[in-house]
Amino acid sequence: MGANYCSTSRRVNANGHVVFDIVDHKVTKSTLVFWMNDTVEIIGIAPRPIVGRTWTARDGDIRIEVPSADFEMAIRL
């Protein structure tokens, strides 16, 4: 699968969590909520939120992996 680039904005919610609001190349909107335990909640691409694992790669990209789905993402700002 090739890379798709999205419109991405970063904010901190009322609870102090880092949140990314994303609009992809198909104009699908989603929200990523990053938790303190290296997990992320992905809201808006499935009927229920998806939970994935996060880490920062050597190149500085935030990486997201969801083992139960064929899904991987890198956040570049």
N, C-alpha and C. Protein backbone atom coordinates (compact mmCIF):
# COMPACT_ATOMS: atom_id res chain seq x y z
N MET A 1 0.84 -1.17 0.00
CA MET A 1 0.00 0.00 0.00
C MET A 1 0.89 1.24 0.00
N GLY A 2 0.61 2.17 -0.86
CA GLY A 2 1.38 3.39 -0.93
C GLY A 2 0.97 4.38 0.13
N ALA A 3 1.82 5.37 0.31
CA ALA A 3 1.54 6.41 1.31
C ALA A 3 0.45 7.35 0.82
N ASN A 4 -0.38 7.78 1.73
CA ASN A 4 -1.40 8.80 1.47
C ASN A 4 -1.15 9.94 2.45
N TYR A 5 -1.19 11.15 1.96
CA TYR A 5 -0.92 12.29 2.80
C TYR A 5 -2.22 12.96 3.21
N CYS A 6 -2.26 13.44 4.44
CA CYS A 6 -3.48 13.96 5.04
C CYS A 6 -3.24 15.35 5.62
N SER A 7 -4.33 16.08 5.79
CA SER A 7 -4.30 17.33 6.53
C SER A 7 -4.31 16.97 8.02
N THR A 8 -3.35 17.49 8.78
CA THR A 8 -3.20 17.10 10.17
C THR A 8 -3.04 18.34 11.04
N SER A 9 -3.79 18.38 12.14
CA SER A 9 -3.60 19.44 13.12
C SER A 9 -3.44 18.81 14.50
N ARG A 10 -2.62 19.43 15.33
CA ARG A 10 -2.32 18.91 16.67
C ARG A 10 -2.91 19.86 17.71
N ARG A 11 -3.47 19.28 18.76
CA ARG A 11 -3.99 20.08 19.87
C ARG A 11 -3.88 19.27 21.15
N VAL A 12 -4.08 19.94 22.27
CA VAL A 12 -4.13 19.28 23.57
C VAL A 12 -5.55 19.44 24.08
N ASN A 13 -6.22 18.33 24.44
CA ASN A 13 -7.62 18.41 24.87
C ASN A 13 -7.71 18.86 26.33
N ALA A 14 -8.92 18.99 26.83
CA ALA A 14 -9.16 19.48 28.20
C ALA A 14 -8.54 18.58 29.26
N ASN A 15 -8.32 17.30 28.95
CA ASN A 15 -7.71 16.36 29.89
C ASN A 15 -6.19 16.34 29.80
N GLY A 16 -5.61 17.16 28.91
CA GLY A 16 -4.16 17.21 28.76
C GLY A 16 -3.58 16.19 27.82
N HIS A 17 -4.41 15.47 27.07
CA HIS A 17 -3.93 14.47 26.12
C HIS A 17 -3.65 15.13 24.77
N VAL A 18 -2.60 14.66 24.10
CA VAL A 18 -2.30 15.13 22.75
C VAL A 18 -3.29 14.49 21.79
N VAL A 19 -3.90 15.32 20.93
CA VAL A 19 -4.91 14.88 19.99
C VAL A 19 -4.53 15.39 18.60
N PHE A 20 -4.62 14.51 17.61
CA PHE A 20 -4.44 14.90 16.21
C PHE A 20 -5.78 14.77 15.50
N ASP A 21 -6.19 15.82 14.83
CA ASP A 21 -7.38 15.78 13.98
C ASP A 21 -6.88 15.65 12.55
N ILE A 22 -7.41 14.65 11.83
CA ILE A 22 -6.90 14.30 10.50
C ILE A 22 -8.04 14.29 9.50
N VAL A 23 -7.74 14.80 8.30
CA VAL A 23 -8.64 14.67 7.15
C VAL A 23 -7.80 14.03 6.05
N ASP A 24 -8.20 12.82 5.62
CA ASP A 24 -7.38 12.10 4.64
C ASP A 24 -7.70 12.52 3.20
N HIS A 25 -7.04 11.87 2.27
CA HIS A 25 -7.18 12.22 0.85
C HIS A 25 -8.59 11.96 0.30
N LYS A 26 -9.40 11.17 1.04
CA LYS A 26 -10.79 10.93 0.65
C LYS A 26 -11.76 11.80 1.45
N VAL A 27 -11.22 12.77 2.20
CA VAL A 27 -11.96 13.70 3.05
C VAL A 27 -12.64 12.98 4.23
N THR A 28 -12.10 11.85 4.64
CA THR A 28 -12.56 11.15 5.83
C THR A 28 -11.91 11.79 7.05
N LYS A 29 -12.72 12.16 8.03
CA LYS A 29 -12.21 12.81 9.24
C LYS A 29 -12.02 11.78 10.34
N SER A 30 -10.93 11.89 11.06
CA SER A 30 -10.67 11.02 12.20
C SER A 30 -9.91 11.80 13.26
N THR A 31 -9.90 11.24 14.46
CA THR A 31 -9.20 11.85 15.59
C THR A 31 -8.35 10.78 16.25
N LEU A 32 -7.13 11.15 16.60
CA LEU A 32 -6.22 10.26 17.31
C LEU A 32 -5.98 10.85 18.68
N VAL A 33 -6.27 10.09 19.74
CA VAL A 33 -6.03 10.54 21.11
C VAL A 33 -4.89 9.70 21.66
N PHE A 34 -3.79 10.36 22.03
CA PHE A 34 -2.61 9.67 22.54
C PHE A 34 -2.65 9.61 24.06
N TRP A 35 -2.56 8.38 24.60
CA TRP A 35 -2.59 8.16 26.04
C TRP A 35 -1.16 8.07 26.56
N MET A 36 -1.00 8.18 27.85
CA MET A 36 0.33 8.20 28.49
C MET A 36 1.01 6.82 28.48
N ASN A 37 0.28 5.75 28.17
CA ASN A 37 0.84 4.40 28.23
C ASN A 37 1.24 3.88 26.84
N ASP A 38 1.61 4.79 25.93
CA ASP A 38 2.05 4.43 24.57
C ASP A 38 0.97 3.74 23.75
N THR A 39 -0.29 4.09 24.00
CA THR A 39 -1.38 3.63 23.15
C THR A 39 -2.08 4.85 22.57
N VAL A 40 -2.85 4.60 21.52
CA VAL A 40 -3.61 5.66 20.87
C VAL A 40 -5.01 5.14 20.60
N GLU A 41 -5.99 6.00 20.73
CA GLU A 41 -7.37 5.68 20.40
C GLU A 41 -7.68 6.37 19.08
N ILE A 42 -8.08 5.59 18.08
CA ILE A 42 -8.38 6.11 16.75
C ILE A 42 -9.89 6.16 16.61
N ILE A 43 -10.42 7.38 16.45
CA ILE A 43 -11.87 7.59 16.43
C ILE A 43 -12.27 8.10 15.06
N GLY A 44 -13.28 7.47 14.45
CA GLY A 44 -13.84 7.99 13.22
C GLY A 44 -13.63 7.16 11.97
N ILE A 45 -12.78 6.14 12.02
CA ILE A 45 -12.57 5.33 10.81
C ILE A 45 -13.28 3.98 10.88
N ALA A 46 -13.86 3.69 12.03
CA ALA A 46 -14.61 2.44 12.23
C ALA A 46 -15.80 2.77 13.14
N PRO A 47 -16.77 1.88 13.21
CA PRO A 47 -17.94 2.15 14.07
C PRO A 47 -17.58 2.39 15.54
N ARG A 48 -16.54 1.72 16.02
CA ARG A 48 -16.08 1.90 17.40
C ARG A 48 -14.62 2.33 17.37
N PRO A 49 -14.16 3.02 18.42
CA PRO A 49 -12.74 3.41 18.46
C PRO A 49 -11.82 2.20 18.36
N ILE A 50 -10.69 2.41 17.72
CA ILE A 50 -9.66 1.38 17.56
C ILE A 50 -8.50 1.77 18.47
N VAL A 51 -7.91 0.81 19.18
CA VAL A 51 -6.76 1.09 20.04
C VAL A 51 -5.52 0.50 19.39
N GLY A 52 -4.48 1.32 19.30
CA GLY A 52 -3.21 0.90 18.72
C GLY A 52 -2.05 1.21 19.63
N ARG A 53 -0.88 0.75 19.24
CA ARG A 53 0.37 0.96 19.98
C ARG A 53 1.14 2.07 19.29
N THR A 54 1.84 2.91 20.06
CA THR A 54 2.61 4.01 19.47
C THR A 54 4.07 3.95 19.91
N TRP A 55 4.91 4.50 19.07
CA TRP A 55 6.32 4.72 19.41
C TRP A 55 6.86 5.78 18.47
N THR A 56 8.00 6.35 18.83
CA THR A 56 8.66 7.34 17.98
C THR A 56 9.83 6.68 17.28
N ALA A 57 9.82 6.74 15.96
CA ALA A 57 10.88 6.13 15.15
C ALA A 57 12.15 6.98 15.21
N ARG A 58 13.26 6.41 14.76
CA ARG A 58 14.54 7.13 14.74
C ARG A 58 14.48 8.42 13.94
N ASP A 59 13.62 8.43 12.91
CA ASP A 59 13.52 9.63 12.06
C ASP A 59 12.61 10.70 12.67
N GLY A 60 12.05 10.43 13.88
CA GLY A 60 11.20 11.39 14.56
C GLY A 60 9.72 11.24 14.28
N ASP A 61 9.35 10.37 13.34
CA ASP A 61 7.94 10.13 13.06
C ASP A 61 7.28 9.40 14.22
N ILE A 62 6.04 9.76 14.52
CA ILE A 62 5.24 9.01 15.48
C ILE A 62 4.63 7.84 14.71
N ARG A 63 4.89 6.63 15.15
CA ARG A 63 4.39 5.43 14.47
C ARG A 63 3.22 4.84 15.25
N ILE A 64 2.24 4.37 14.51
CA ILE A 64 1.06 3.73 15.09
C ILE A 64 0.88 2.38 14.43
N GLU A 65 0.66 1.36 15.25
CA GLU A 65 0.43 0.01 14.73
C GLU A 65 -0.79 -0.58 15.42
N VAL A 66 -1.65 -1.17 14.63
CA VAL A 66 -2.83 -1.85 15.16
C VAL A 66 -2.70 -3.32 14.75
N PRO A 67 -2.23 -4.19 15.67
CA PRO A 67 -1.99 -5.59 15.32
C PRO A 67 -3.22 -6.34 14.83
N SER A 68 -4.41 -6.00 15.32
CA SER A 68 -5.61 -6.74 14.95
C SER A 68 -6.16 -6.34 13.58
N ALA A 69 -5.54 -5.35 12.95
CA ALA A 69 -6.00 -4.88 11.64
C ALA A 69 -4.80 -4.64 10.74
N ASP A 70 -5.04 -4.57 9.48
CA ASP A 70 -3.98 -4.29 8.53
C ASP A 70 -3.84 -2.76 8.44
N PHE A 71 -3.20 -2.18 9.44
CA PHE A 71 -3.20 -0.74 9.59
C PHE A 71 -1.89 -0.28 10.20
N GLU A 72 -1.24 0.67 9.60
CA GLU A 72 -0.05 1.30 10.15
C GLU A 72 -0.05 2.76 9.71
N MET A 73 0.45 3.64 10.56
CA MET A 73 0.42 5.06 10.25
C MET A 73 1.67 5.73 10.81
N ALA A 74 2.14 6.74 10.12
CA ALA A 74 3.22 7.59 10.64
C ALA A 74 2.72 9.02 10.62
N ILE A 75 2.94 9.76 11.71
CA ILE A 75 2.53 11.16 11.81
C ILE A 75 3.76 12.02 11.57
N ARG A 76 3.71 12.87 10.58
CA ARG A 76 4.79 13.81 10.27
C ARG A 76 4.21 15.20 10.26
N LEU A 77 4.73 16.07 11.09
CA LEU A 77 4.24 17.44 11.13
C LEU A 77 5.29 18.39 10.59
